[in-house]
Amino acid sequence: QVQLVESGGGLVQAGGSLRLSCAVSGSAFSINAMGWYRQAPGKQRELVARIIVDGSTIYADSVKGRFTISRDNAKNTVYLQMNSLKPEDTAVYYCNVDVRDLLTSRVYSPTWGQGTQVTVSS
């Protein structure tokens, strides 16, 4: 089974930067798309950024121009560089991926990981 492990969160002042990482592990899979999501207290989980296999990206309007998603295919890792952070960016950040099981050809998304807390102070 594919597993996701996020890291890189922390406490930062408004205007600061953080870089999140998400390592995807398992066997016999290929990754189609990778994405970052976040969930603030009392709110629904939302898409922050997504990158597909050809490198195309999409971003939530609230983070455009401040966040950059990238991936290292050799390491099965996706990153989220977050600059000019705002207090409203405070949330637990999760990654998830669309994977293809190479044995069955099934496309699915793994169980969510633990996430990493990002707290931006004003």
C-alpha atoms as a PDB file:
ATOM      1  CA  GLN A   1       0.000   0.000   0.000  1.00  0.00           C
ATOM      2  CA  VAL A   2       1.226   3.489  -0.829  1.00  0.00           C
ATOM      3  CA  GLN A   3       1.959   5.713   2.145  1.00  0.00           C
ATOM      4  CA  LEU A   4       2.376   9.478   2.473  1.00  0.00           C
ATOM      5  CA  VAL A   5       4.581  11.263   4.989  1.00  0.00           C
ATOM      6  CA  GLU A   6       4.465  15.053   5.206  1.00  0.00           C
ATOM      7  CA  SER A   7       7.109  17.195   6.904  1.00  0.00           C
ATOM      8  CA  GLY A   8       8.399  20.738   7.108  1.00  0.00           C
ATOM      9  CA  GLY A   9       5.644  22.546   8.970  1.00  0.00           C
ATOM     10  CA  GLY A  10       6.192  24.859  11.892  1.00  0.00           C
ATOM     11  CA  LEU A  11       5.578  28.255  13.430  1.00  0.00           C
ATOM     12  CA  VAL A  12       6.544  31.289  11.386  1.00  0.00           C
ATOM     13  CA  GLN A  13       5.825  35.004  11.492  1.00  0.00           C
ATOM     14  CA  ALA A  14       3.691  36.642   8.844  1.00  0.00           C
ATOM     15  CA  GLY A  15       5.773  37.326   5.762  1.00  0.00           C
ATOM     16  CA  GLY A  16       8.002  34.347   6.408  1.00  0.00           C
ATOM     17  CA  SER A  17       8.569  31.181   4.397  1.00  0.00           C
ATOM     18  CA  LEU A  18       8.332  27.446   4.861  1.00  0.00           C
ATOM     19  CA  ARG A  19       9.007  24.478   2.598  1.00  0.00           C
ATOM     20  CA  LEU A  20       6.871  21.385   2.968  1.00  0.00           C
ATOM     21  CA  SER A  21       7.854  17.950   1.722  1.00  0.00           C
ATOM     22  CA  CYS A  22       5.804  14.837   1.114  1.00  0.00           C
ATOM     23  CA  ALA A  23       7.456  11.489   0.516  1.00  0.00           C
ATOM     24  CA  VAL A  24       5.458   8.764  -1.221  1.00  0.00           C
ATOM     25  CA  SER A  25       6.513   5.202  -0.482  1.00  0.00           C
ATOM     26  CA  GLY A  26       5.314   1.752  -1.427  1.00  0.00           C
ATOM     27  CA  SER A  27       5.847  -0.729  -4.204  1.00  0.00           C
ATOM     28  CA  ALA A  28       4.653  -1.316  -7.756  1.00  0.00           C
ATOM     29  CA  PHE A  29       3.052   2.050  -8.379  1.00  0.00           C
ATOM     30  CA  SER A  30       3.382   5.078 -10.600  1.00  0.00           C
ATOM     31  CA  ILE A  31       2.274   8.585  -9.739  1.00  0.00           C
ATOM     32  CA  ASN A  32      -0.029  10.538 -12.024  1.00  0.00           C
ATOM     33  CA  ALA A  33      -0.660  13.669 -10.019  1.00  0.00           C
ATOM     34  CA  MET A  34       0.410  15.099  -6.678  1.00  0.00           C
ATOM     35  CA  GLY A  35      -1.265  17.753  -4.623  1.00  0.00           C
ATOM     36  CA  TRP A  36      -1.231  19.732  -1.409  1.00  0.00           C
ATOM     37  CA  TYR A  37      -4.360  20.368   0.631  1.00  0.00           C
ATOM     38  CA  ARG A  38      -5.016  22.169   3.887  1.00  0.00           C
ATOM     39  CA  GLN A  39      -7.602  22.162   6.610  1.00  0.00           C
ATOM     40  CA  ALA A  40      -8.006  25.028   9.038  1.00  0.00           C
ATOM     41  CA  PRO A  41      -9.944  24.588  12.309  1.00  0.00           C
ATOM     42  CA  GLY A  42     -13.665  24.475  11.671  1.00  0.00           C
ATOM     43  CA  LYS A  43     -13.233  24.473   7.902  1.00  0.00           C
ATOM     44  CA  GLN A  44     -13.326  21.875   5.157  1.00  0.00           C
ATOM     45  CA  ARG A  45     -10.164  20.544   3.605  1.00  0.00           C
ATOM     46  CA  GLU A  46      -9.305  22.501   0.474  1.00  0.00           C
ATOM     47  CA  LEU A  47      -6.963  22.099  -2.463  1.00  0.00           C
ATOM     48  CA  VAL A  48      -3.933  24.377  -2.298  1.00  0.00           C
ATOM     49  CA  ALA A  49      -1.921  23.260  -5.316  1.00  0.00           C
ATOM     50  CA  ARG A  50      -1.665  20.347  -7.699  1.00  0.00           C
ATOM     51  CA  ILE A  51       0.946  19.156 -10.194  1.00  0.00           C
ATOM     52  CA  ILE A  52       0.466  16.485 -12.820  1.00  0.00           C
ATOM     53  CA  VAL A  53       2.942  14.222 -14.547  1.00  0.00           C
ATOM     54  CA  ASP A  54       3.729  16.687 -17.357  1.00  0.00           C
ATOM     55  CA  GLY A  55       4.560  19.409 -14.836  1.00  0.00           C
ATOM     56  CA  SER A  56       1.357  21.403 -15.264  1.00  0.00           C
ATOM     57  CA  THR A  57       0.229  23.116 -12.095  1.00  0.00           C
ATOM     58  CA  ILE A  58      -2.885  24.663 -10.622  1.00  0.00           C
ATOM     59  CA  TYR A  59      -3.193  26.811  -7.519  1.00  0.00           C
ATOM     60  CA  ALA A  60      -5.949  28.064  -5.278  1.00  0.00           C
ATOM     61  CA  ASP A  61      -6.536  31.761  -5.909  1.00  0.00           C
ATOM     62  CA  SER A  62      -5.593  32.525  -2.307  1.00  0.00           C
ATOM     63  CA  VAL A  63      -2.019  31.255  -2.764  1.00  0.00           C
ATOM     64  CA  LYS A  64      -1.221  32.218  -6.361  1.00  0.00           C
ATOM     65  CA  GLY A  65       2.037  34.115  -6.597  1.00  0.00           C
ATOM     66  CA  ARG A  66       3.094  33.065  -3.083  1.00  0.00           C
ATOM     67  CA  PHE A  67       3.222  29.251  -3.143  1.00  0.00           C
ATOM     68  CA  THR A  68       5.050  27.000  -5.589  1.00  0.00           C
ATOM     69  CA  ILE A  69       4.490  23.262  -5.960  1.00  0.00           C
ATOM     70  CA  SER A  70       7.211  21.066  -7.417  1.00  0.00           C
ATOM     71  CA  ARG A  71       8.007  17.371  -7.617  1.00  0.00           C
ATOM     72  CA  ASP A  72      11.064  15.147  -7.743  1.00  0.00           C
ATOM     73  CA  ASN A  73       9.991  12.100  -9.715  1.00  0.00           C
ATOM     74  CA  ALA A  74      13.159  10.176  -8.885  1.00  0.00           C
ATOM     75  CA  LYS A  75      12.460  10.561  -5.167  1.00  0.00           C
ATOM     76  CA  ASN A  76       8.647  10.280  -5.377  1.00  0.00           C
ATOM     77  CA  THR A  77       8.499  13.506  -3.424  1.00  0.00           C
ATOM     78  CA  VAL A  78       6.382  16.626  -3.798  1.00  0.00           C
ATOM     79  CA  TYR A  79       7.272  19.993  -2.295  1.00  0.00           C
ATOM     80  CA  LEU A  80       5.376  23.137  -1.452  1.00  0.00           C
ATOM     81  CA  GLN A  81       7.419  26.311  -1.155  1.00  0.00           C
ATOM     82  CA  MET A  82       5.370  28.842   0.768  1.00  0.00           C
ATOM     83  CA  ASN A  83       6.467  32.481   0.756  1.00  0.00           C
ATOM     84  CA  SER A  84       4.865  35.649   2.102  1.00  0.00           C
ATOM     85  CA  LEU A  85       2.873  33.606   4.561  1.00  0.00           C
ATOM     86  CA  LYS A  86      -0.244  35.101   6.110  1.00  0.00           C
ATOM     87  CA  PRO A  87      -2.096  34.210   9.319  1.00  0.00           C
ATOM     88  CA  GLU A  88      -4.929  32.861   7.177  1.00  0.00           C
ATOM     89  CA  ASP A  89      -2.539  30.225   5.831  1.00  0.00           C
ATOM     90  CA  THR A  90      -2.568  28.599   9.266  1.00  0.00           C
ATOM     91  CA  ALA A  91      -3.802  25.013   8.845  1.00  0.00           C
ATOM     92  CA  VAL A  92      -2.790  21.393   8.794  1.00  0.00           C
ATOM     93  CA  TYR A  93      -1.302  20.701   5.385  1.00  0.00           C
ATOM     94  CA  TYR A  94      -1.725  17.322   3.731  1.00  0.00           C
ATOM     95  CA  CYS A  95      -0.497  15.863   0.497  1.00  0.00           C
ATOM     96  CA  ASN A  96      -2.185  13.294  -1.637  1.00  0.00           C
ATOM     97  CA  VAL A  97      -1.481  11.680  -4.960  1.00  0.00           C
ATOM     98  CA  ASP A  98      -3.227   9.852  -7.779  1.00  0.00           C
ATOM     99  CA  VAL A  99      -1.375   6.582  -8.215  1.00  0.00           C
ATOM    100  CA  ARG A 100      -1.674   3.680 -10.609  1.00  0.00           C
ATOM    101  CA  ASP A 101      -1.124   0.201  -9.257  1.00  0.00           C
ATOM    102  CA  LEU A 102       1.241  -1.366 -11.788  1.00  0.00           C
ATOM    103  CA  LEU A 103      -0.082  -4.864 -11.094  1.00  0.00           C
ATOM    104  CA  THR A 104      -3.817  -4.172 -11.445  1.00  0.00           C
ATOM    105  CA  SER A 105      -3.806  -0.813 -13.342  1.00  0.00           C
ATOM    106  CA  ARG A 106      -6.200   0.536 -10.722  1.00  0.00           C
ATOM    107  CA  VAL A 107      -5.958   4.289 -10.206  1.00  0.00           C
ATOM    108  CA  TYR A 108      -6.617   5.451  -6.668  1.00  0.00           C
ATOM    109  CA  SER A 109      -5.669   7.908  -3.959  1.00  0.00           C
ATOM    110  CA  PRO A 110      -4.018   6.517  -0.822  1.00  0.00           C
ATOM    111  CA  THR A 111      -5.213   7.072   2.710  1.00  0.00           C
ATOM    112  CA  TRP A 112      -4.416  10.548   3.956  1.00  0.00           C
ATOM    113  CA  GLY A 113      -1.235  10.971   5.995  1.00  0.00           C
ATOM    114  CA  GLN A 114      -0.919  12.721   9.355  1.00  0.00           C
ATOM    115  CA  GLY A 115      -0.355  16.116   7.816  1.00  0.00           C
ATOM    116  CA  THR A 116       1.985  18.823   9.017  1.00  0.00           C
ATOM    117  CA  GLN A 117       0.906  21.851  11.053  1.00  0.00           C
ATOM    118  CA  VAL A 118       1.653  25.312   9.700  1.00  0.00           C
ATOM    119  CA  THR A 119       1.044  28.204  12.051  1.00  0.00           C
ATOM    120  CA  VAL A 120       1.552  31.800  10.927  1.00  0.00           C
ATOM    121  CA  SER A 121       1.599  34.440  13.642  1.00  0.00           C
ATOM    122  CA  SER A 122       0.652  38.054  12.981  1.00  0.00           C
END
